[in-house]
Amino acid sequence: MGNLKIGVALWSLGSTSTMEEFEQRLDLAASAGVKAVQPWCVDEPKWKMVCALDPDRCATSEQRAAVRKACEKRGLAISGFCAQLAGPKTLGGFGEELNLPARIEKTKKALRFAAEVGAPIVTTHIGPIPEDKKSTVYALFLRTVKDVMQDAEKSGGIFALETGQESAAGLKQFIEDVGSSNLKVNYDPANMLKLGTVEGVGILAKYIVHTHAKDKHPQTGKPTVGQGAVPWDDYIAALKKIGYSGWYALEDESGAGDVLESITSGRKFLEKY
């Protein structure tokens, strides 16, 4: 038996459009044997997604305390939250002008919400961030994220950018250009398969505060941890080498009927580390 802190990306187990659904998903997470959850916490109209934990809906201190208590009741910690939004053309859309102020404001609210609940990490894809630092799109990313971080530093929110939309070196450079101590990384090994899963850990070492545990089978694309192309021995050794001691949130967005089985299998696989 290993000593990894294993949780689950709660949206893997279904929608949380109401508090009743949220508690049902918590029950499933507990039955999978994990010790933490990472809930989704924003609406996204483009995907017709409604979330009970959206900061504009879960707005009072009493409602937010209820979220924490529902997890505690089941012996589950909160590893962080996910505030994934969509731009007109790209996932995140922080480099697209159309409706950008609304995405910025919602992200700020999500970070304030997470900090108040006591689990300040909020993960998302914002990119793809261009490698060309002189491009106007890069400048827009820089301006928008700096705006978000000014607010996050006041609230205590930790904004963790998810890997996979750009190289590890490019993401590191961007974080350093923003220059906020509250801007970090959520590392997803499956997303980094074509970009250097193990190598990326070393490059982003000082910024990694949360990870998604996800795999990718070369033929089927199945995300069950331990059944795909992620080099788990080397990857986890790399994380341990840099001193990472945070959560591994199992993620299976396949929507297949065996997702609970997939999550449970992944948990058992990771326990050997």
C-alpha atoms as a PDB file:
ATOM      1  CA  MET A   1       0.000   0.000   0.000  1.00  0.00           C
ATOM      2  CA  GLY A   2       1.390   3.366  -1.054  1.00  0.00           C
ATOM      3  CA  ASN A   3       0.869   6.832   0.357  1.00  0.00           C
ATOM      4  CA  LEU A   4      -0.622   8.857  -2.495  1.00  0.00           C
ATOM      5  CA  LYS A   5      -3.556  11.137  -1.715  1.00  0.00           C
ATOM      6  CA  ILE A   6      -6.229   9.877  -4.115  1.00  0.00           C
ATOM      7  CA  GLY A   7      -9.409  11.737  -4.992  1.00  0.00           C
ATOM      8  CA  VAL A   8     -11.760  12.041  -7.942  1.00  0.00           C
ATOM      9  CA  ALA A   9     -12.769  14.775 -10.356  1.00  0.00           C
ATOM     10  CA  LEU A  10     -16.418  14.682  -9.313  1.00  0.00           C
ATOM     11  CA  TRP A  11     -17.843  15.532 -12.745  1.00  0.00           C
ATOM     12  CA  SER A  12     -16.554  12.138 -13.911  1.00  0.00           C
ATOM     13  CA  LEU A  13     -19.421  10.609 -11.946  1.00  0.00           C
ATOM     14  CA  GLY A  14     -22.143  12.781 -13.473  1.00  0.00           C
ATOM     15  CA  SER A  15     -23.754  16.196 -13.349  1.00  0.00           C
ATOM     16  CA  THR A  16     -24.267  18.289 -10.227  1.00  0.00           C
ATOM     17  CA  SER A  17     -27.025  20.601 -11.388  1.00  0.00           C
ATOM     18  CA  THR A  18     -28.741  20.500  -7.983  1.00  0.00           C
ATOM     19  CA  MET A  19     -27.517  20.014  -4.427  1.00  0.00           C
ATOM     20  CA  GLU A  20     -29.352  16.690  -4.409  1.00  0.00           C
ATOM     21  CA  GLU A  21     -27.310  15.561  -7.413  1.00  0.00           C
ATOM     22  CA  PHE A  22     -24.144  16.891  -5.789  1.00  0.00           C
ATOM     23  CA  GLU A  23     -24.747  14.738  -2.724  1.00  0.00           C
ATOM     24  CA  GLN A  24     -25.531  11.707  -4.913  1.00  0.00           C
ATOM     25  CA  ARG A  25     -22.173  12.144  -6.665  1.00  0.00           C
ATOM     26  CA  LEU A  26     -20.456  12.414  -3.288  1.00  0.00           C
ATOM     27  CA  ASP A  27     -22.015   9.076  -2.326  1.00  0.00           C
ATOM     28  CA  LEU A  28     -20.597   7.521  -5.501  1.00  0.00           C
ATOM     29  CA  ALA A  29     -17.176   8.996  -4.787  1.00  0.00           C
ATOM     30  CA  ALA A  30     -17.211   7.564  -1.284  1.00  0.00           C
ATOM     31  CA  SER A  31     -18.229   4.161  -2.645  1.00  0.00           C
ATOM     32  CA  ALA A  32     -15.211   4.253  -4.993  1.00  0.00           C
ATOM     33  CA  GLY A  33     -12.946   4.465  -1.961  1.00  0.00           C
ATOM     34  CA  VAL A  34     -11.352   7.851  -2.692  1.00  0.00           C
ATOM     35  CA  LYS A  35     -10.539  10.378   0.017  1.00  0.00           C
ATOM     36  CA  ALA A  36     -11.301  13.662  -1.756  1.00  0.00           C
ATOM     37  CA  VAL A  37     -13.383  15.214  -4.514  1.00  0.00           C
ATOM     38  CA  GLN A  38     -12.783  18.024  -6.953  1.00  0.00           C
ATOM     39  CA  PRO A  39     -16.215  19.424  -7.831  1.00  0.00           C
ATOM     40  CA  TRP A  40     -17.156  21.499 -10.877  1.00  0.00           C
ATOM     41  CA  CYS A  41     -18.192  25.013  -9.840  1.00  0.00           C
ATOM     42  CA  VAL A  42     -19.445  27.027 -12.824  1.00  0.00           C
ATOM     43  CA  ASP A  43     -22.332  27.083 -15.265  1.00  0.00           C
ATOM     44  CA  GLU A  44     -21.339  26.960 -18.924  1.00  0.00           C
ATOM     45  CA  PRO A  45     -24.203  27.933 -21.265  1.00  0.00           C
ATOM     46  CA  LYS A  46     -22.301  26.807 -24.371  1.00  0.00           C
ATOM     47  CA  TRP A  47     -22.500  23.226 -23.106  1.00  0.00           C
ATOM     48  CA  LYS A  48     -25.927  23.737 -21.508  1.00  0.00           C
ATOM     49  CA  MET A  49     -24.262  22.942 -18.196  1.00  0.00           C
ATOM     50  CA  VAL A  50     -25.888  24.037 -14.955  1.00  0.00           C
ATOM     51  CA  CYS A  51     -23.945  23.603 -11.712  1.00  0.00           C
ATOM     52  CA  ALA A  52     -25.350  23.857  -8.196  1.00  0.00           C
ATOM     53  CA  LEU A  53     -21.990  25.176  -7.010  1.00  0.00           C
ATOM     54  CA  ASP A  54     -21.807  28.088  -9.444  1.00  0.00           C
ATOM     55  CA  PRO A  55     -20.780  31.071  -7.276  1.00  0.00           C
ATOM     56  CA  ASP A  56     -23.770  33.083  -8.481  1.00  0.00           C
ATOM     57  CA  ARG A  57     -26.099  30.301  -7.337  1.00  0.00           C
ATOM     58  CA  CYS A  58     -24.222  28.985  -4.314  1.00  0.00           C
ATOM     59  CA  ALA A  59     -23.804  32.534  -3.092  1.00  0.00           C
ATOM     60  CA  THR A  60     -24.396  32.727   0.651  1.00  0.00           C
ATOM     61  CA  SER A  61     -22.083  31.690   3.456  1.00  0.00           C
ATOM     62  CA  GLU A  62     -24.714  29.180   4.587  1.00  0.00           C
ATOM     63  CA  GLN A  63     -24.899  27.554   1.142  1.00  0.00           C
ATOM     64  CA  ARG A  64     -21.127  27.371   0.908  1.00  0.00           C
ATOM     65  CA  ALA A  65     -20.828  25.888   4.382  1.00  0.00           C
ATOM     66  CA  ALA A  66     -23.343  23.235   3.297  1.00  0.00           C
ATOM     67  CA  VAL A  67     -21.039  22.211   0.437  1.00  0.00           C
ATOM     68  CA  ARG A  68     -18.169  21.673   2.837  1.00  0.00           C
ATOM     69  CA  LYS A  69     -20.338  19.841   5.377  1.00  0.00           C
ATOM     70  CA  ALA A  70     -21.770  17.502   2.730  1.00  0.00           C
ATOM     71  CA  CYS A  71     -18.233  16.393   1.912  1.00  0.00           C
ATOM     72  CA  GLU A  72     -17.142  16.120   5.539  1.00  0.00           C
ATOM     73  CA  LYS A  73     -20.209  14.008   6.341  1.00  0.00           C
ATOM     74  CA  ARG A  74     -18.866  11.379   3.944  1.00  0.00           C
ATOM     75  CA  GLY A  75     -15.260  11.630   5.064  1.00  0.00           C
ATOM     76  CA  LEU A  76     -14.252  13.434   1.877  1.00  0.00           C
ATOM     77  CA  ALA A  77     -11.844  16.341   1.611  1.00  0.00           C
ATOM     78  CA  ILE A  78     -12.106  18.883  -1.211  1.00  0.00           C
ATOM     79  CA  SER A  79      -8.913  18.892  -3.280  1.00  0.00           C
ATOM     80  CA  GLY A  80     -10.014  21.966  -5.201  1.00  0.00           C
ATOM     81  CA  PHE A  81     -12.614  23.033  -7.746  1.00  0.00           C
ATOM     82  CA  CYS A  82     -12.853  23.219 -11.541  1.00  0.00           C
ATOM     83  CA  ALA A  83     -14.069  26.412 -13.203  1.00  0.00           C
ATOM     84  CA  GLN A  84     -13.814  25.377 -16.843  1.00  0.00           C
ATOM     85  CA  LEU A  85     -15.380  27.896 -19.194  1.00  0.00           C
ATOM     86  CA  ALA A  86     -15.564  27.955 -22.986  1.00  0.00           C
ATOM     87  CA  GLY A  87     -14.668  30.698 -25.392  1.00  0.00           C
ATOM     88  CA  PRO A  88     -16.320  31.170 -28.791  1.00  0.00           C
ATOM     89  CA  LYS A  89     -13.690  28.976 -30.455  1.00  0.00           C
ATOM     90  CA  THR A  90     -11.378  27.516 -27.810  1.00  0.00           C
ATOM     91  CA  LEU A  91     -11.555  25.773 -24.453  1.00  0.00           C
ATOM     92  CA  GLY A  92     -11.120  28.507 -21.861  1.00  0.00           C
ATOM     93  CA  GLY A  93     -11.211  31.363 -24.317  1.00  0.00           C
ATOM     94  CA  PHE A  94      -8.958  33.701 -22.335  1.00  0.00           C
ATOM     95  CA  GLY A  95      -7.344  34.736 -25.603  1.00  0.00           C
ATOM     96  CA  GLU A  96     -10.634  35.641 -27.316  1.00  0.00           C
ATOM     97  CA  GLU A  97     -12.225  39.061 -26.963  1.00  0.00           C
ATOM     98  CA  LEU A  98     -15.880  38.058 -27.437  1.00  0.00           C
ATOM     99  CA  ASN A  99     -17.634  37.946 -24.040  1.00  0.00           C
ATOM    100  CA  LEU A 100     -14.232  37.840 -22.322  1.00  0.00           C
ATOM    101  CA  PRO A 101     -15.210  40.166 -19.438  1.00  0.00           C
ATOM    102  CA  ALA A 102     -17.920  37.703 -18.400  1.00  0.00           C
ATOM    103  CA  ARG A 103     -15.439  34.804 -18.327  1.00  0.00           C
ATOM    104  CA  ILE A 104     -12.974  36.868 -16.317  1.00  0.00           C
ATOM    105  CA  GLU A 105     -15.610  37.879 -13.779  1.00  0.00           C
ATOM    106  CA  LYS A 106     -16.937  34.330 -13.406  1.00  0.00           C
ATOM    107  CA  THR A 107     -13.402  33.047 -12.827  1.00  0.00           C
ATOM    108  CA  LYS A 108     -12.793  35.655 -10.138  1.00  0.00           C
ATOM    109  CA  LYS A 109     -16.021  34.650  -8.428  1.00  0.00           C
ATOM    110  CA  ALA A 110     -15.045  30.964  -8.581  1.00  0.00           C
ATOM    111  CA  LEU A 111     -11.710  31.735  -6.914  1.00  0.00           C
ATOM    112  CA  ARG A 112     -13.418  33.726  -4.159  1.00  0.00           C
ATOM    113  CA  PHE A 113     -15.922  30.897  -3.675  1.00  0.00           C
ATOM    114  CA  ALA A 114     -13.174  28.263  -3.419  1.00  0.00           C
ATOM    115  CA  ALA A 115     -11.234  30.312  -0.901  1.00  0.00           C
ATOM    116  CA  GLU A 116     -14.340  30.782   1.257  1.00  0.00           C
ATOM    117  CA  VAL A 117     -15.113  27.067   1.197  1.00  0.00           C
ATOM    118  CA  GLY A 118     -11.568  26.385   2.397  1.00  0.00           C
ATOM    119  CA  ALA A 119     -10.292  24.617  -0.726  1.00  0.00           C
ATOM    120  CA  PRO A 120      -8.692  27.506  -2.633  1.00  0.00           C
ATOM    121  CA  ILE A 121      -7.363  25.681  -5.707  1.00  0.00           C
ATOM    122  CA  VAL A 122      -9.363  26.297  -8.894  1.00  0.00           C
ATOM    123  CA  THR A 123      -8.245  24.491 -12.045  1.00  0.00           C
ATOM    124  CA  THR A 124      -9.029  25.267 -15.673  1.00  0.00           C
ATOM    125  CA  HIS A 125      -7.733  25.322 -19.218  1.00  0.00           C
ATOM    126  CA  ILE A 126      -7.407  28.945 -20.363  1.00  0.00           C
ATOM    127  CA  GLY A 127      -5.476  28.438 -23.602  1.00  0.00           C
ATOM    128  CA  PRO A 128      -4.032  27.594 -25.951  1.00  0.00           C
ATOM    129  CA  ILE A 129      -1.418  30.180 -25.031  1.00  0.00           C
ATOM    130  CA  PRO A 130       0.736  31.014 -28.075  1.00  0.00           C
ATOM    131  CA  GLU A 131       4.488  30.462 -27.862  1.00  0.00           C
ATOM    132  CA  ASP A 132       5.141  33.813 -29.537  1.00  0.00           C
ATOM    133  CA  LYS A 133       5.422  36.299 -26.672  1.00  0.00           C
ATOM    134  CA  LYS A 134       5.197  39.196 -29.131  1.00  0.00           C
ATOM    135  CA  SER A 135       1.784  38.195 -30.477  1.00  0.00           C
ATOM    136  CA  THR A 136      -1.328  40.216 -29.678  1.00  0.00           C
ATOM    137  CA  VAL A 137      -3.047  37.056 -28.431  1.00  0.00           C
ATOM    138  CA  TYR A 138      -0.247  36.422 -25.934  1.00  0.00           C
ATOM    139  CA  ALA A 139      -0.621  40.002 -24.726  1.00  0.00           C
ATOM    140  CA  LEU A 140      -4.353  39.448 -24.261  1.00  0.00           C
ATOM    141  CA  PHE A 141      -3.759  36.278 -22.235  1.00  0.00           C
ATOM    142  CA  LEU A 142      -1.250  38.132 -20.105  1.00  0.00           C
ATOM    143  CA  ARG A 143      -3.598  41.047 -19.476  1.00  0.00           C
ATOM    144  CA  THR A 144      -6.602  38.891 -18.602  1.00  0.00           C
ATOM    145  CA  VAL A 145      -4.771  36.518 -16.278  1.00  0.00           C
ATOM    146  CA  LYS A 146      -3.040  39.396 -14.487  1.00  0.00           C
ATOM    147  CA  ASP A 147      -6.494  40.891 -13.921  1.00  0.00           C
ATOM    148  CA  VAL A 148      -7.760  37.596 -12.468  1.00  0.00           C
ATOM    149  CA  MET A 149      -4.691  37.207 -10.271  1.00  0.00           C
ATOM    150  CA  GLN A 150      -4.991  40.643  -8.727  1.00  0.00           C
ATOM    151  CA  ASP A 151      -8.391  39.586  -7.427  1.00  0.00           C
ATOM    152  CA  ALA A 152      -7.218  36.078  -6.464  1.00  0.00           C
ATOM    153  CA  GLU A 153      -4.374  37.445  -4.375  1.00  0.00           C
ATOM    154  CA  LYS A 154      -6.879  39.445  -2.344  1.00  0.00           C
ATOM    155  CA  SER A 155      -9.251  36.502  -1.812  1.00  0.00           C
ATOM    156  CA  GLY A 156      -6.585  33.827  -1.313  1.00  0.00           C
ATOM    157  CA  GLY A 157      -7.628  31.820  -4.376  1.00  0.00           C
ATOM    158  CA  ILE A 158      -5.053  29.646  -6.163  1.00  0.00           C
ATOM    159  CA  PHE A 159      -5.520  29.587  -9.935  1.00  0.00           C
ATOM    160  CA  ALA A 160      -4.066  26.339 -11.308  1.00  0.00           C
ATOM    161  CA  LEU A 161      -3.723  26.230 -15.102  1.00  0.00           C
ATOM    162  CA  GLU A 162      -4.180  22.743 -16.533  1.00  0.00           C
ATOM    163  CA  THR A 163      -1.464  21.296 -18.747  1.00  0.00           C
ATOM    164  CA  GLY A 164      -1.902  20.117 -22.306  1.00  0.00           C
ATOM    165  CA  GLN A 165      -2.772  23.117 -24.451  1.00  0.00           C
ATOM    166  CA  GLU A 166       0.833  24.290 -24.779  1.00  0.00           C
ATOM    167  CA  SER A 167       4.317  22.981 -24.005  1.00  0.00           C
ATOM    168  CA  ALA A 168       5.509  22.797 -20.408  1.00  0.00           C
ATOM    169  CA  ALA A 169       8.196  25.366 -21.188  1.00  0.00           C
ATOM    170  CA  GLY A 170       5.640  27.693 -22.757  1.00  0.00           C
ATOM    171  CA  LEU A 171       3.321  27.400 -19.774  1.00  0.00           C
ATOM    172  CA  LYS A 172       6.183  28.028 -17.348  1.00  0.00           C
ATOM    173  CA  GLN A 173       7.214  31.135 -19.260  1.00  0.00           C
ATOM    174  CA  PHE A 174       3.677  32.462 -19.212  1.00  0.00           C
ATOM    175  CA  ILE A 175       3.305  31.920 -15.461  1.00  0.00           C
ATOM    176  CA  GLU A 176       6.574  33.742 -14.871  1.00  0.00           C
ATOM    177  CA  ASP A 177       5.496  36.580 -17.141  1.00  0.00           C
ATOM    178  CA  VAL A 178       2.282  37.000 -15.134  1.00  0.00           C
ATOM    179  CA  GLY A 179       4.355  37.073 -11.959  1.00  0.00           C
ATOM    180  CA  SER A 180       1.744  36.111  -9.370  1.00  0.00           C
ATOM    181  CA  SER A 181       2.536  33.789  -6.459  1.00  0.00           C
ATOM    182  CA  ASN A 182      -1.057  32.510  -6.638  1.00  0.00           C
ATOM    183  CA  LEU A 183      -0.765  31.290 -10.249  1.00  0.00           C
ATOM    184  CA  LYS A 184       0.048  27.581 -10.308  1.00  0.00           C
ATOM    185  CA  VAL A 185      -0.371  24.370 -12.340  1.00  0.00           C
ATOM    186  CA  ASN A 186      -2.783  21.448 -12.390  1.00  0.00           C
ATOM    187  CA  TYR A 187      -0.786  18.658 -14.039  1.00  0.00           C
ATOM    188  CA  ASP A 188      -2.582  16.122 -16.237  1.00  0.00           C
ATOM    189  CA  PRO A 189      -0.258  13.331 -17.447  1.00  0.00           C
ATOM    190  CA  ALA A 190      -2.548  12.095 -20.228  1.00  0.00           C
ATOM    191  CA  ASN A 191      -2.805  15.606 -21.665  1.00  0.00           C
ATOM    192  CA  MET A 192       0.986  15.744 -21.769  1.00  0.00           C
ATOM    193  CA  LEU A 193       1.640  12.452 -23.588  1.00  0.00           C
ATOM    194  CA  LYS A 194       2.628  14.185 -26.829  1.00  0.00           C
ATOM    195  CA  LEU A 195       4.426  16.989 -24.997  1.00  0.00           C
ATOM    196  CA  GLY A 196       6.532  14.978 -22.547  1.00  0.00           C
ATOM    197  CA  THR A 197       4.636  13.671 -19.511  1.00  0.00           C
ATOM    198  CA  VAL A 198       7.675  13.005 -17.329  1.00  0.00           C
ATOM    199  CA  GLU A 199       9.866  15.826 -18.652  1.00  0.00           C
ATOM    200  CA  GLY A 200       7.114  18.366 -18.053  1.00  0.00           C
ATOM    201  CA  VAL A 201       7.068  17.622 -14.337  1.00  0.00           C
ATOM    202  CA  GLY A 202      10.656  18.780 -13.997  1.00  0.00           C
ATOM    203  CA  ILE A 203      10.018  21.933 -16.013  1.00  0.00           C
ATOM    204  CA  LEU A 204       6.907  22.937 -14.062  1.00  0.00           C
ATOM    205  CA  ALA A 205       8.077  21.551 -10.719  1.00  0.00           C
ATOM    206  CA  LYS A 206       7.768  24.648  -8.554  1.00  0.00           C
ATOM    207  CA  TYR A 207       4.244  25.422  -9.788  1.00  0.00           C
ATOM    208  CA  ILE A 208       2.430  22.053  -9.529  1.00  0.00           C
ATOM    209  CA  VAL A 209      -0.197  22.155  -6.750  1.00  0.00           C
ATOM    210  CA  HIS A 210      -2.803  19.676  -8.027  1.00  0.00           C
ATOM    211  CA  THR A 211      -2.898  16.777 -10.473  1.00  0.00           C
ATOM    212  CA  HIS A 212      -5.464  14.891 -12.494  1.00  0.00           C
ATOM    213  CA  ALA A 213      -4.927  11.143 -12.619  1.00  0.00           C
ATOM    214  CA  LYS A 214      -5.986  10.196 -16.123  1.00  0.00           C
ATOM    215  CA  ASP A 215      -4.699   7.777 -18.740  1.00  0.00           C
ATOM    216  CA  LYS A 216      -5.173   7.250 -22.462  1.00  0.00           C
ATOM    217  CA  HIS A 217      -5.242   3.844 -24.109  1.00  0.00           C
ATOM    218  CA  PRO A 218      -3.399   4.039 -27.469  1.00  0.00           C
ATOM    219  CA  GLN A 219      -6.164   2.267 -29.387  1.00  0.00           C
ATOM    220  CA  THR A 220      -9.419   2.983 -27.556  1.00  0.00           C
ATOM    221  CA  GLY A 221      -8.582   6.276 -25.856  1.00  0.00           C
ATOM    222  CA  LYS A 222     -10.006   4.826 -22.618  1.00  0.00           C
ATOM    223  CA  PRO A 223      -8.899   7.009 -19.689  1.00  0.00           C
ATOM    224  CA  THR A 224      -8.741   4.364 -16.937  1.00  0.00           C
ATOM    225  CA  VAL A 225      -5.578   4.895 -14.914  1.00  0.00           C
ATOM    226  CA  GLY A 226      -3.075   2.088 -15.347  1.00  0.00           C
ATOM    227  CA  GLN A 227      -4.538   0.853 -18.634  1.00  0.00           C
ATOM    228  CA  GLY A 228      -3.059   3.357 -21.070  1.00  0.00           C
ATOM    229  CA  ALA A 229       0.107   4.987 -22.329  1.00  0.00           C
ATOM    230  CA  VAL A 230       1.004   7.134 -19.297  1.00  0.00           C
ATOM    231  CA  PRO A 231       4.340   5.878 -17.864  1.00  0.00           C
ATOM    232  CA  TRP A 232       3.084   5.795 -14.283  1.00  0.00           C
ATOM    233  CA  ASP A 233       6.246   4.498 -12.608  1.00  0.00           C
ATOM    234  CA  ASP A 234       8.392   7.249 -14.080  1.00  0.00           C
ATOM    235  CA  TYR A 235       5.704   9.922 -13.787  1.00  0.00           C
ATOM    236  CA  ILE A 236       4.990   9.364 -10.106  1.00  0.00           C
ATOM    237  CA  ALA A 237       8.709   9.014  -9.377  1.00  0.00           C
ATOM    238  CA  ALA A 238       9.194  12.420 -11.012  1.00  0.00           C
ATOM    239  CA  LEU A 239       6.450  13.969  -8.864  1.00  0.00           C
ATOM    240  CA  LYS A 240       7.908  12.468  -5.710  1.00  0.00           C
ATOM    241  CA  LYS A 241      11.358  13.721  -6.700  1.00  0.00           C
ATOM    242  CA  ILE A 242      10.129  17.325  -6.804  1.00  0.00           C
ATOM    243  CA  GLY A 243       8.429  16.873  -3.453  1.00  0.00           C
ATOM    244  CA  TYR A 244       4.835  16.894  -4.686  1.00  0.00           C
ATOM    245  CA  SER A 245       2.515  15.709  -1.913  1.00  0.00           C
ATOM    246  CA  GLY A 246      -0.845  16.937  -3.183  1.00  0.00           C
ATOM    247  CA  TRP A 247      -3.911  15.185  -4.534  1.00  0.00           C
ATOM    248  CA  TYR A 248      -4.251  12.857  -7.503  1.00  0.00           C
ATOM    249  CA  ALA A 249      -7.817  13.446  -8.715  1.00  0.00           C
ATOM    250  CA  LEU A 250      -8.931  10.507 -10.872  1.00  0.00           C
ATOM    251  CA  GLU A 251     -10.659  11.720 -14.021  1.00  0.00           C
ATOM    252  CA  ASP A 252     -12.746   9.767 -16.519  1.00  0.00           C
ATOM    253  CA  GLU A 253     -14.834  11.989 -18.783  1.00  0.00           C
ATOM    254  CA  SER A 254     -15.755   9.159 -21.161  1.00  0.00           C
ATOM    255  CA  GLY A 255     -19.365   9.065 -19.999  1.00  0.00           C
ATOM    256  CA  ALA A 256     -19.266   5.275 -20.360  1.00  0.00           C
ATOM    257  CA  GLY A 257     -21.494   3.115 -18.197  1.00  0.00           C
ATOM    258  CA  ASP A 258     -18.517   1.742 -16.320  1.00  0.00           C
ATOM    259  CA  VAL A 259     -17.100   5.057 -15.080  1.00  0.00           C
ATOM    260  CA  LEU A 260     -17.465   4.103 -11.408  1.00  0.00           C
ATOM    261  CA  GLU A 261     -15.632   0.867 -12.122  1.00  0.00           C
ATOM    262  CA  SER A 262     -12.968   2.850 -13.991  1.00  0.00           C
ATOM    263  CA  ILE A 263     -12.483   5.231 -11.057  1.00  0.00           C
ATOM    264  CA  THR A 264     -12.331   2.367  -8.565  1.00  0.00           C
ATOM    265  CA  SER A 265      -9.831   0.517 -10.738  1.00  0.00           C
ATOM    266  CA  GLY A 266      -7.680   3.633 -11.022  1.00  0.00           C
ATOM    267  CA  ARG A 267      -7.761   4.135  -7.255  1.00  0.00           C
ATOM    268  CA  LYS A 268      -6.605   0.568  -6.659  1.00  0.00           C
ATOM    269  CA  PHE A 269      -3.820   0.991  -9.219  1.00  0.00           C
ATOM    270  CA  LEU A 270      -2.513   4.197  -7.641  1.00  0.00           C
ATOM    271  CA  GLU A 271      -2.583   2.734  -4.140  1.00  0.00           C
ATOM    272  CA  LYS A 272       0.502   0.661  -4.914  1.00  0.00           C
ATOM    273  CA  TYR A 273       2.557   3.865  -5.089  1.00  0.00           C
END
